[in-house]
Amino acid sequence: VVPLVSLSLFGGVLADQADRRKVMLLTQSGMALV
């Protein structure tokens, strides 16, 4: 919960001004590597 609470609001700003498809490709790739 600590990273989610700290960063989710910034993630919301990114989702409102970037291509949401590209954001998902990056985040899903990151979670796959983890």
PDB file of all heavy atoms in Angstrom:
ATOM      1  N   VAL A   1       0.796  -1.209   0.000  1.00  0.00           N
ATOM      2  CA  VAL A   1       0.000   0.000   0.000  1.00  0.00           C
ATOM      3  C   VAL A   1       0.841   1.278   0.000  1.00  0.00           C
ATOM      4  O   VAL A   1       0.400   2.308  -0.507  1.00  0.00           O
ATOM      5  CB  VAL A   1      -0.979  -0.007   1.201  1.00  0.00           C
ATOM      6  CG1 VAL A   1      -0.301   0.433   2.487  1.00  0.00           C
ATOM      7  CG2 VAL A   1      -2.193   0.852   0.911  1.00  0.00           C
ATOM      8  N   VAL A   2       2.043   1.230   0.545  1.00  0.00           N
ATOM      9  CA  VAL A   2       2.850   2.463   0.636  1.00  0.00           C
ATOM     10  C   VAL A   2       3.168   3.039  -0.746  1.00  0.00           C
ATOM     11  O   VAL A   2       2.932   4.233  -1.005  1.00  0.00           O
ATOM     12  CB  VAL A   2       4.130   2.217   1.456  1.00  0.00           C
ATOM     13  CG1 VAL A   2       5.064   3.414   1.359  1.00  0.00           C
ATOM     14  CG2 VAL A   2       3.783   1.950   2.919  1.00  0.00           C
ATOM     15  N   PRO A   3       3.689   2.259  -1.706  1.00  0.00           N
ATOM     16  CA  PRO A   3       3.911   2.841  -3.049  1.00  0.00           C
ATOM     17  C   PRO A   3       2.614   3.269  -3.728  1.00  0.00           C
ATOM     18  O   PRO A   3       2.591   4.280  -4.438  1.00  0.00           O
ATOM     19  CB  PRO A   3       4.582   1.700  -3.827  1.00  0.00           C
ATOM     20  CG  PRO A   3       5.122   0.776  -2.793  1.00  0.00           C
ATOM     21  CD  PRO A   3       4.177   0.868  -1.638  1.00  0.00           C
ATOM     22  N   LEU A   4       1.538   2.523  -3.507  1.00  0.00           N
ATOM     23  CA  LEU A   4       0.268   2.867  -4.148  1.00  0.00           C
ATOM     24  C   LEU A   4      -0.265   4.195  -3.637  1.00  0.00           C
ATOM     25  O   LEU A   4      -0.707   5.044  -4.414  1.00  0.00           O
ATOM     26  CB  LEU A   4      -0.746   1.752  -3.902  1.00  0.00           C
ATOM     27  CG  LEU A   4      -0.468   0.437  -4.650  1.00  0.00           C
ATOM     28  CD1 LEU A   4      -1.335  -0.687  -4.094  1.00  0.00           C
ATOM     29  CD2 LEU A   4      -0.711   0.598  -6.137  1.00  0.00           C
ATOM     30  N   VAL A   5      -0.230   4.392  -2.336  1.00  0.00           N
ATOM     31  CA  VAL A   5      -0.710   5.649  -1.766  1.00  0.00           C
ATOM     32  C   VAL A   5       0.183   6.809  -2.201  1.00  0.00           C
ATOM     33  O   VAL A   5      -0.292   7.916  -2.486  1.00  0.00           O
ATOM     34  CB  VAL A   5      -0.770   5.544  -0.231  1.00  0.00           C
ATOM     35  CG1 VAL A   5      -1.006   6.905   0.403  1.00  0.00           C
ATOM     36  CG2 VAL A   5      -1.868   4.570   0.191  1.00  0.00           C
ATOM     37  N   SER A   6       1.487   6.559  -2.290  1.00  0.00           N
ATOM     38  CA  SER A   6       2.428   7.626  -2.627  1.00  0.00           C
ATOM     39  C   SER A   6       2.356   8.049  -4.093  1.00  0.00           C
ATOM     40  O   SER A   6       2.570   9.222  -4.413  1.00  0.00           O
ATOM     41  CB  SER A   6       3.866   7.167  -2.311  1.00  0.00           C
ATOM     42  OG  SER A   6       3.997   6.774  -0.973  1.00  0.00           O
ATOM     43  N   LEU A   7       2.049   7.111  -4.985  1.00  0.00           N
ATOM     44  CA  LEU A   7       2.218   7.372  -6.418  1.00  0.00           C
ATOM     45  C   LEU A   7       0.949   7.334  -7.250  1.00  0.00           C
ATOM     46  O   LEU A   7       0.957   7.781  -8.396  1.00  0.00           O
ATOM     47  CB  LEU A   7       3.221   6.360  -7.001  1.00  0.00           C
ATOM     48  CG  LEU A   7       4.627   6.391  -6.396  1.00  0.00           C
ATOM     49  CD1 LEU A   7       5.452   5.225  -6.925  1.00  0.00           C
ATOM     50  CD2 LEU A   7       5.315   7.708  -6.714  1.00  0.00           C
ATOM     51  N   SER A   8      -0.146   6.788  -6.723  1.00  0.00           N
ATOM     52  CA  SER A   8      -1.340   6.601  -7.548  1.00  0.00           C
ATOM     53  C   SER A   8      -1.892   7.911  -8.096  1.00  0.00           C
ATOM     54  O   SER A   8      -2.360   7.976  -9.235  1.00  0.00           O
ATOM     55  CB  SER A   8      -2.429   5.874  -6.757  1.00  0.00           C
ATOM     56  OG  SER A   8      -2.148   4.507  -6.648  1.00  0.00           O
ATOM     57  N   LEU A   9      -1.860   8.980  -7.308  1.00  0.00           N
ATOM     58  CA  LEU A   9      -2.391  10.257  -7.789  1.00  0.00           C
ATOM     59  C   LEU A   9      -1.571  10.797  -8.958  1.00  0.00           C
ATOM     60  O   LEU A   9      -2.116  11.396  -9.888  1.00  0.00           O
ATOM     61  CB  LEU A   9      -2.440  11.271  -6.651  1.00  0.00           C
ATOM     62  CG  LEU A   9      -3.432  10.936  -5.521  1.00  0.00           C
ATOM     63  CD1 LEU A   9      -3.341  11.973  -4.410  1.00  0.00           C
ATOM     64  CD2 LEU A   9      -4.855  10.871  -6.057  1.00  0.00           C
ATOM     65  N   PHE A  10      -0.264  10.574  -8.928  1.00  0.00           N
ATOM     66  CA  PHE A  10       0.566  10.960 -10.076  1.00  0.00           C
ATOM     67  C   PHE A  10       0.254  10.067 -11.270  1.00  0.00           C
ATOM     68  O   PHE A  10       0.273  10.521 -12.421  1.00  0.00           O
ATOM     69  CB  PHE A  10       2.054  10.863  -9.701  1.00  0.00           C
ATOM     70  CG  PHE A  10       2.471  11.829  -8.645  1.00  0.00           C
ATOM     71  CD1 PHE A  10       2.509  11.452  -7.321  1.00  0.00           C
ATOM     72  CD2 PHE A  10       2.799  13.137  -8.970  1.00  0.00           C
ATOM     73  CE1 PHE A  10       2.886  12.344  -6.327  1.00  0.00           C
ATOM     74  CE2 PHE A  10       3.162  14.044  -7.991  1.00  0.00           C
ATOM     75  CZ  PHE A  10       3.213  13.649  -6.660  1.00  0.00           C
ATOM     76  N   GLY A  11      -0.050   8.795 -11.001  1.00  0.00           N
ATOM     77  CA  GLY A  11      -0.474   7.909 -12.079  1.00  0.00           C
ATOM     78  C   GLY A  11      -1.761   8.381 -12.720  1.00  0.00           C
ATOM     79  O   GLY A  11      -1.955   8.236 -13.930  1.00  0.00           O
ATOM     80  N   GLY A  12      -2.649   8.969 -11.921  1.00  0.00           N
ATOM     81  CA  GLY A  12      -3.894   9.503 -12.466  1.00  0.00           C
ATOM     82  C   GLY A  12      -3.668  10.674 -13.390  1.00  0.00           C
ATOM     83  O   GLY A  12      -4.309  10.801 -14.439  1.00  0.00           O
ATOM     84  N   VAL A  13      -2.736  11.558 -13.027  1.00  0.00           N
ATOM     85  CA  VAL A  13      -2.399  12.692 -13.894  1.00  0.00           C
ATOM     86  C   VAL A  13      -1.827  12.182 -15.212  1.00  0.00           C
ATOM     87  O   VAL A  13      -2.190  12.668 -16.296  1.00  0.00           O
ATOM     88  CB  VAL A  13      -1.396  13.636 -13.198  1.00  0.00           C
ATOM     89  CG1 VAL A  13      -0.922  14.722 -14.160  1.00  0.00           C
ATOM     90  CG2 VAL A  13      -2.036  14.276 -11.973  1.00  0.00           C
ATOM     91  N   LEU A  14      -0.934  11.186 -15.132  1.00  0.00           N
ATOM     92  CA  LEU A  14      -0.346  10.627 -16.353  1.00  0.00           C
ATOM     93  C   LEU A  14      -1.427  10.027 -17.247  1.00  0.00           C
ATOM     94  O   LEU A  14      -1.411  10.208 -18.474  1.00  0.00           O
ATOM     95  CB  LEU A  14       0.689   9.563 -15.978  1.00  0.00           C
ATOM     96  CG  LEU A  14       1.425   8.905 -17.146  1.00  0.00           C
ATOM     97  CD1 LEU A  14       2.262   9.932 -17.898  1.00  0.00           C
ATOM     98  CD2 LEU A  14       2.304   7.762 -16.642  1.00  0.00           C
ATOM     99  N   ALA A  15      -2.398   9.333 -16.645  1.00  0.00           N
ATOM    100  CA  ALA A  15      -3.464   8.708 -17.432  1.00  0.00           C
ATOM    101  C   ALA A  15      -4.367   9.732 -18.101  1.00  0.00           C
ATOM    102  O   ALA A  15      -5.006   9.420 -19.111  1.00  0.00           O
ATOM    103  CB  ALA A  15      -4.303   7.795 -16.531  1.00  0.00           C
ATOM    104  N   ASP A  16      -4.418  10.954 -17.578  1.00  0.00           N
ATOM    105  CA  ASP A  16      -5.263  11.990 -18.156  1.00  0.00           C
ATOM    106  C   ASP A  16      -4.552  12.841 -19.202  1.00  0.00           C
ATOM    107  O   ASP A  16      -5.161  13.745 -19.775  1.00  0.00           O
ATOM    108  CB  ASP A  16      -5.807  12.899 -17.046  1.00  0.00           C
ATOM    109  CG  ASP A  16      -7.009  12.286 -16.340  1.00  0.00           C
ATOM    110  OD1 ASP A  16      -7.643  11.401 -16.933  1.00  0.00           O
ATOM    111  OD2 ASP A  16      -7.299  12.688 -15.204  1.00  0.00           O
ATOM    112  N   GLN A  17      -3.265  12.568 -19.443  1.00  0.00           N
ATOM    113  CA  GLN A  17      -2.583  13.381 -20.459  1.00  0.00           C
ATOM    114  C   GLN A  17      -1.635  12.570 -21.343  1.00  0.00           C
ATOM    115  O   GLN A  17      -0.955  13.139 -22.192  1.00  0.00           O
ATOM    116  CB  GLN A  17      -1.828  14.531 -19.792  1.00  0.00           C
ATOM    117  CG  GLN A  17      -0.724  14.112 -18.829  1.00  0.00           C
ATOM    118  CD  GLN A  17      -0.069  15.346 -18.205  1.00  0.00           C
ATOM    119  OE1 GLN A  17      -0.733  16.297 -17.813  1.00  0.00           O
ATOM    120  NE2 GLN A  17       1.251  15.339 -18.141  1.00  0.00           N
ATOM    121  N   ALA A  18      -1.612  11.258 -21.201  1.00  0.00           N
ATOM    122  CA  ALA A  18      -0.767  10.411 -22.048  1.00  0.00           C
ATOM    123  C   ALA A  18      -1.629   9.342 -22.718  1.00  0.00           C
ATOM    124  O   ALA A  18      -2.785   9.141 -22.360  1.00  0.00           O
ATOM    125  CB  ALA A  18       0.332   9.757 -21.210  1.00  0.00           C
ATOM    126  N   ASP A  19      -1.051   8.669 -23.685  1.00  0.00           N
ATOM    127  CA  ASP A  19      -1.723   7.558 -24.338  1.00  0.00           C
ATOM    128  C   ASP A  19      -1.832   6.420 -23.319  1.00  0.00           C
ATOM    129  O   ASP A  19      -0.831   5.824 -22.914  1.00  0.00           O
ATOM    130  CB  ASP A  19      -0.904   7.113 -25.557  1.00  0.00           C
ATOM    131  CG  ASP A  19      -1.595   6.020 -26.371  1.00  0.00           C
ATOM    132  OD1 ASP A  19      -2.507   5.364 -25.831  1.00  0.00           O
ATOM    133  OD2 ASP A  19      -1.207   5.814 -27.538  1.00  0.00           O
ATOM    134  N   ARG A  20      -3.050   6.111 -22.896  1.00  0.00           N
ATOM    135  CA  ARG A  20      -3.241   5.116 -21.836  1.00  0.00           C
ATOM    136  C   ARG A  20      -2.764   3.739 -22.275  1.00  0.00           C
ATOM    137  O   ARG A  20      -2.326   2.931 -21.443  1.00  0.00           O
ATOM    138  CB  ARG A  20      -4.713   5.101 -21.437  1.00  0.00           C
ATOM    139  CG  ARG A  20      -5.138   6.416 -20.782  1.00  0.00           C
ATOM    140  CD  ARG A  20      -6.614   6.713 -20.904  1.00  0.00           C
ATOM    141  NE  ARG A  20      -6.957   7.992 -20.274  1.00  0.00           N
ATOM    142  CZ  ARG A  20      -8.140   8.575 -20.351  1.00  0.00           C
ATOM    143  NH1 ARG A  20      -9.113   8.005 -21.057  1.00  0.00           N
ATOM    144  NH2 ARG A  20      -8.368   9.718 -19.750  1.00  0.00           N
ATOM    145  N   ARG A  21      -2.829   3.472 -23.551  1.00  0.00           N
ATOM    146  CA  ARG A  21      -2.351   2.191 -24.071  1.00  0.00           C
ATOM    147  C   ARG A  21      -0.838   2.065 -23.852  1.00  0.00           C
ATOM    148  O   ARG A  21      -0.345   1.022 -23.390  1.00  0.00           O
ATOM    149  CB  ARG A  21      -2.689   2.101 -25.549  1.00  0.00           C
ATOM    150  CG  ARG A  21      -2.039   0.947 -26.307  1.00  0.00           C
ATOM    151  CD  ARG A  21      -2.455   0.981 -27.764  1.00  0.00           C
ATOM    152  NE  ARG A  21      -1.634   0.104 -28.584  1.00  0.00           N
ATOM    153  CZ  ARG A  21      -0.497   0.477 -29.149  1.00  0.00           C
ATOM    154  NH1 ARG A  21      -0.033   1.721 -28.968  1.00  0.00           N
ATOM    155  NH2 ARG A  21       0.190  -0.384 -29.886  1.00  0.00           N
ATOM    156  N   LYS A  22      -0.083   3.120 -24.143  1.00  0.00           N
ATOM    157  CA  LYS A  22       1.369   3.076 -23.961  1.00  0.00           C
ATOM    158  C   LYS A  22       1.742   2.973 -22.483  1.00  0.00           C
ATOM    159  O   LYS A  22       2.698   2.281 -22.124  1.00  0.00           O
ATOM    160  CB  LYS A  22       2.008   4.319 -24.579  1.00  0.00           C
ATOM    161  CG  LYS A  22       1.974   4.338 -26.098  1.00  0.00           C
ATOM    162  CD  LYS A  22       2.672   5.578 -26.645  1.00  0.00           C
ATOM    163  CE  LYS A  22       2.658   5.580 -28.166  1.00  0.00           C
ATOM    164  NZ  LYS A  22       3.312   6.812 -28.722  1.00  0.00           N
ATOM    165  N   VAL A  23       0.993   3.659 -21.643  1.00  0.00           N
ATOM    166  CA  VAL A  23       1.253   3.565 -20.205  1.00  0.00           C
ATOM    167  C   VAL A  23       1.100   2.125 -19.741  1.00  0.00           C
ATOM    168  O   VAL A  23       1.936   1.590 -18.996  1.00  0.00           O
ATOM    169  CB  VAL A  23       0.306   4.491 -19.413  1.00  0.00           C
ATOM    170  CG1 VAL A  23       0.472   4.266 -17.911  1.00  0.00           C
ATOM    171  CG2 VAL A  23       0.578   5.955 -19.742  1.00  0.00           C
ATOM    172  N   MET A  24       0.027   1.464 -20.198  1.00  0.00           N
ATOM    173  CA  MET A  24      -0.184   0.069 -19.801  1.00  0.00           C
ATOM    174  C   MET A  24       0.918  -0.849 -20.321  1.00  0.00           C
ATOM    175  O   MET A  24       1.355  -1.768 -19.621  1.00  0.00           O
ATOM    176  CB  MET A  24      -1.541  -0.425 -20.303  1.00  0.00           C
ATOM    177  CG  MET A  24      -2.680  -0.191 -19.346  1.00  0.00           C
ATOM    178  SD  MET A  24      -4.089  -1.294 -19.716  1.00  0.00           S
ATOM    179  CE  MET A  24      -3.416  -2.881 -19.198  1.00  0.00           C
ATOM    180  N   LEU A  25       1.383  -0.623 -21.536  1.00  0.00           N
ATOM    181  CA  LEU A  25       2.459  -1.451 -22.072  1.00  0.00           C
ATOM    182  C   LEU A  25       3.717  -1.333 -21.214  1.00  0.00           C
ATOM    183  O   LEU A  25       4.396  -2.333 -20.938  1.00  0.00           O
ATOM    184  CB  LEU A  25       2.766  -1.051 -23.514  1.00  0.00           C
ATOM    185  CG  LEU A  25       1.702  -1.421 -24.556  1.00  0.00           C
ATOM    186  CD1 LEU A  25       2.033  -0.794 -25.907  1.00  0.00           C
ATOM    187  CD2 LEU A  25       1.595  -2.947 -24.696  1.00  0.00           C
ATOM    188  N   LEU A  26       4.018  -0.127 -20.765  1.00  0.00           N
ATOM    189  CA  LEU A  26       5.205   0.079 -19.933  1.00  0.00           C
ATOM    190  C   LEU A  26       5.037  -0.542 -18.550  1.00  0.00           C
ATOM    191  O   LEU A  26       5.937  -1.227 -18.046  1.00  0.00           O
ATOM    192  CB  LEU A  26       5.498   1.572 -19.812  1.00  0.00           C
ATOM    193  CG  LEU A  26       6.038   2.258 -21.070  1.00  0.00           C
ATOM    194  CD1 LEU A  26       6.115   3.774 -20.864  1.00  0.00           C
ATOM    195  CD2 LEU A  26       7.423   1.716 -21.417  1.00  0.00           C
ATOM    196  N   THR A  27       3.887  -0.306 -17.927  1.00  0.00           N
ATOM    197  CA  THR A  27       3.698  -0.813 -16.571  1.00  0.00           C
ATOM    198  C   THR A  27       3.605  -2.331 -16.541  1.00  0.00           C
ATOM    199  O   THR A  27       4.164  -2.979 -15.645  1.00  0.00           O
ATOM    200  CB  THR A  27       2.439  -0.205 -15.932  1.00  0.00           C
ATOM    201  OG1 THR A  27       1.304  -0.442 -16.772  1.00  0.00           O
ATOM    202  CG2 THR A  27       2.600   1.300 -15.750  1.00  0.00           C
ATOM    203  N   GLN A  28       2.909  -2.919 -17.508  1.00  0.00           N
ATOM    204  CA  GLN A  28       2.797  -4.370 -17.547  1.00  0.00           C
ATOM    205  C   GLN A  28       4.160  -5.014 -17.810  1.00  0.00           C
ATOM    206  O   GLN A  28       4.478  -6.067 -17.243  1.00  0.00           O
ATOM    207  CB  GLN A  28       1.799  -4.795 -18.614  1.00  0.00           C
ATOM    208  CG  GLN A  28       0.359  -4.420 -18.313  1.00  0.00           C
ATOM    209  CD  GLN A  28      -0.238  -5.249 -17.191  1.00  0.00           C
ATOM    210  OE1 GLN A  28      -0.056  -6.453 -17.126  1.00  0.00           O
ATOM    211  NE2 GLN A  28      -0.945  -4.584 -16.281  1.00  0.00           N
ATOM    212  N   SER A  29       4.977  -4.383 -18.647  1.00  0.00           N
ATOM    213  CA  SER A  29       6.328  -4.899 -18.897  1.00  0.00           C
ATOM    214  C   SER A  29       7.161  -4.837 -17.624  1.00  0.00           C
ATOM    215  O   SER A  29       7.919  -5.773 -17.315  1.00  0.00           O
ATOM    216  CB  SER A  29       7.007  -4.089 -20.009  1.00  0.00           C
ATOM    217  OG  SER A  29       6.317  -4.222 -21.230  1.00  0.00           O
ATOM    218  N   GLY A  30       7.021  -3.743 -16.881  1.00  0.00           N
ATOM    219  CA  GLY A  30       7.757  -3.616 -15.621  1.00  0.00           C
ATOM    220  C   GLY A  30       7.365  -4.692 -14.623  1.00  0.00           C
ATOM    221  O   GLY A  30       8.226  -5.307 -13.971  1.00  0.00           O
ATOM    222  N   MET A  31       6.055  -4.950 -14.490  1.00  0.00           N
ATOM    223  CA  MET A  31       5.613  -5.982 -13.556  1.00  0.00           C
ATOM    224  C   MET A  31       6.059  -7.369 -13.998  1.00  0.00           C
ATOM    225  O   MET A  31       6.355  -8.242 -13.164  1.00  0.00           O
ATOM    226  CB  MET A  31       4.091  -5.925 -13.409  1.00  0.00           C
ATOM    227  CG  MET A  31       3.614  -4.734 -12.579  1.00  0.00           C
ATOM    228  SD  MET A  31       1.835  -4.769 -12.205  1.00  0.00           S
ATOM    229  CE  MET A  31       1.154  -4.188 -13.751  1.00  0.00           C
ATOM    230  N   ALA A  32       6.133  -7.590 -15.318  1.00  0.00           N
ATOM    231  CA  ALA A  32       6.612  -8.881 -15.818  1.00  0.00           C
ATOM    232  C   ALA A  32       8.069  -9.101 -15.423  1.00  0.00           C
ATOM    233  O   ALA A  32       8.452 -10.204 -14.984  1.00  0.00           O
ATOM    234  CB  ALA A  32       6.459  -8.943 -17.330  1.00  0.00           C
ATOM    235  N   LEU A  33       8.894  -8.073 -15.548  1.00  0.00           N
ATOM    236  CA  LEU A  33      10.303  -8.199 -15.177  1.00  0.00           C
ATOM    237  C   LEU A  33      10.463  -8.443 -13.679  1.00  0.00           C
ATOM    238  O   LEU A  33      11.337  -9.211 -13.251  1.00  0.00           O
ATOM    239  CB  LEU A  33      11.059  -6.932 -15.592  1.00  0.00           C
ATOM    240  CG  LEU A  33      11.209  -6.720 -17.100  1.00  0.00           C
ATOM    241  CD1 LEU A  33      11.884  -5.381 -17.386  1.00  0.00           C
ATOM    242  CD2 LEU A  33      12.007  -7.865 -17.734  1.00  0.00           C
ATOM    243  N   VAL A  34       9.622  -7.819 -12.880  1.00  0.00           N
ATOM    244  CA  VAL A  34       9.666  -8.040 -11.442  1.00  0.00           C
ATOM    245  C   VAL A  34       9.326  -9.496 -11.116  1.00  0.00           C
ATOM    246  O   VAL A  34       9.963 -10.133 -10.266  1.00  0.00           O
ATOM    247  CB  VAL A  34       8.705  -7.072 -10.716  1.00  0.00           C
ATOM    248  CG1 VAL A  34       8.531  -7.470  -9.264  1.00  0.00           C
ATOM    249  CG2 VAL A  34       9.229  -5.638 -10.804  1.00  0.00           C
TER     250      VAL A  34
END
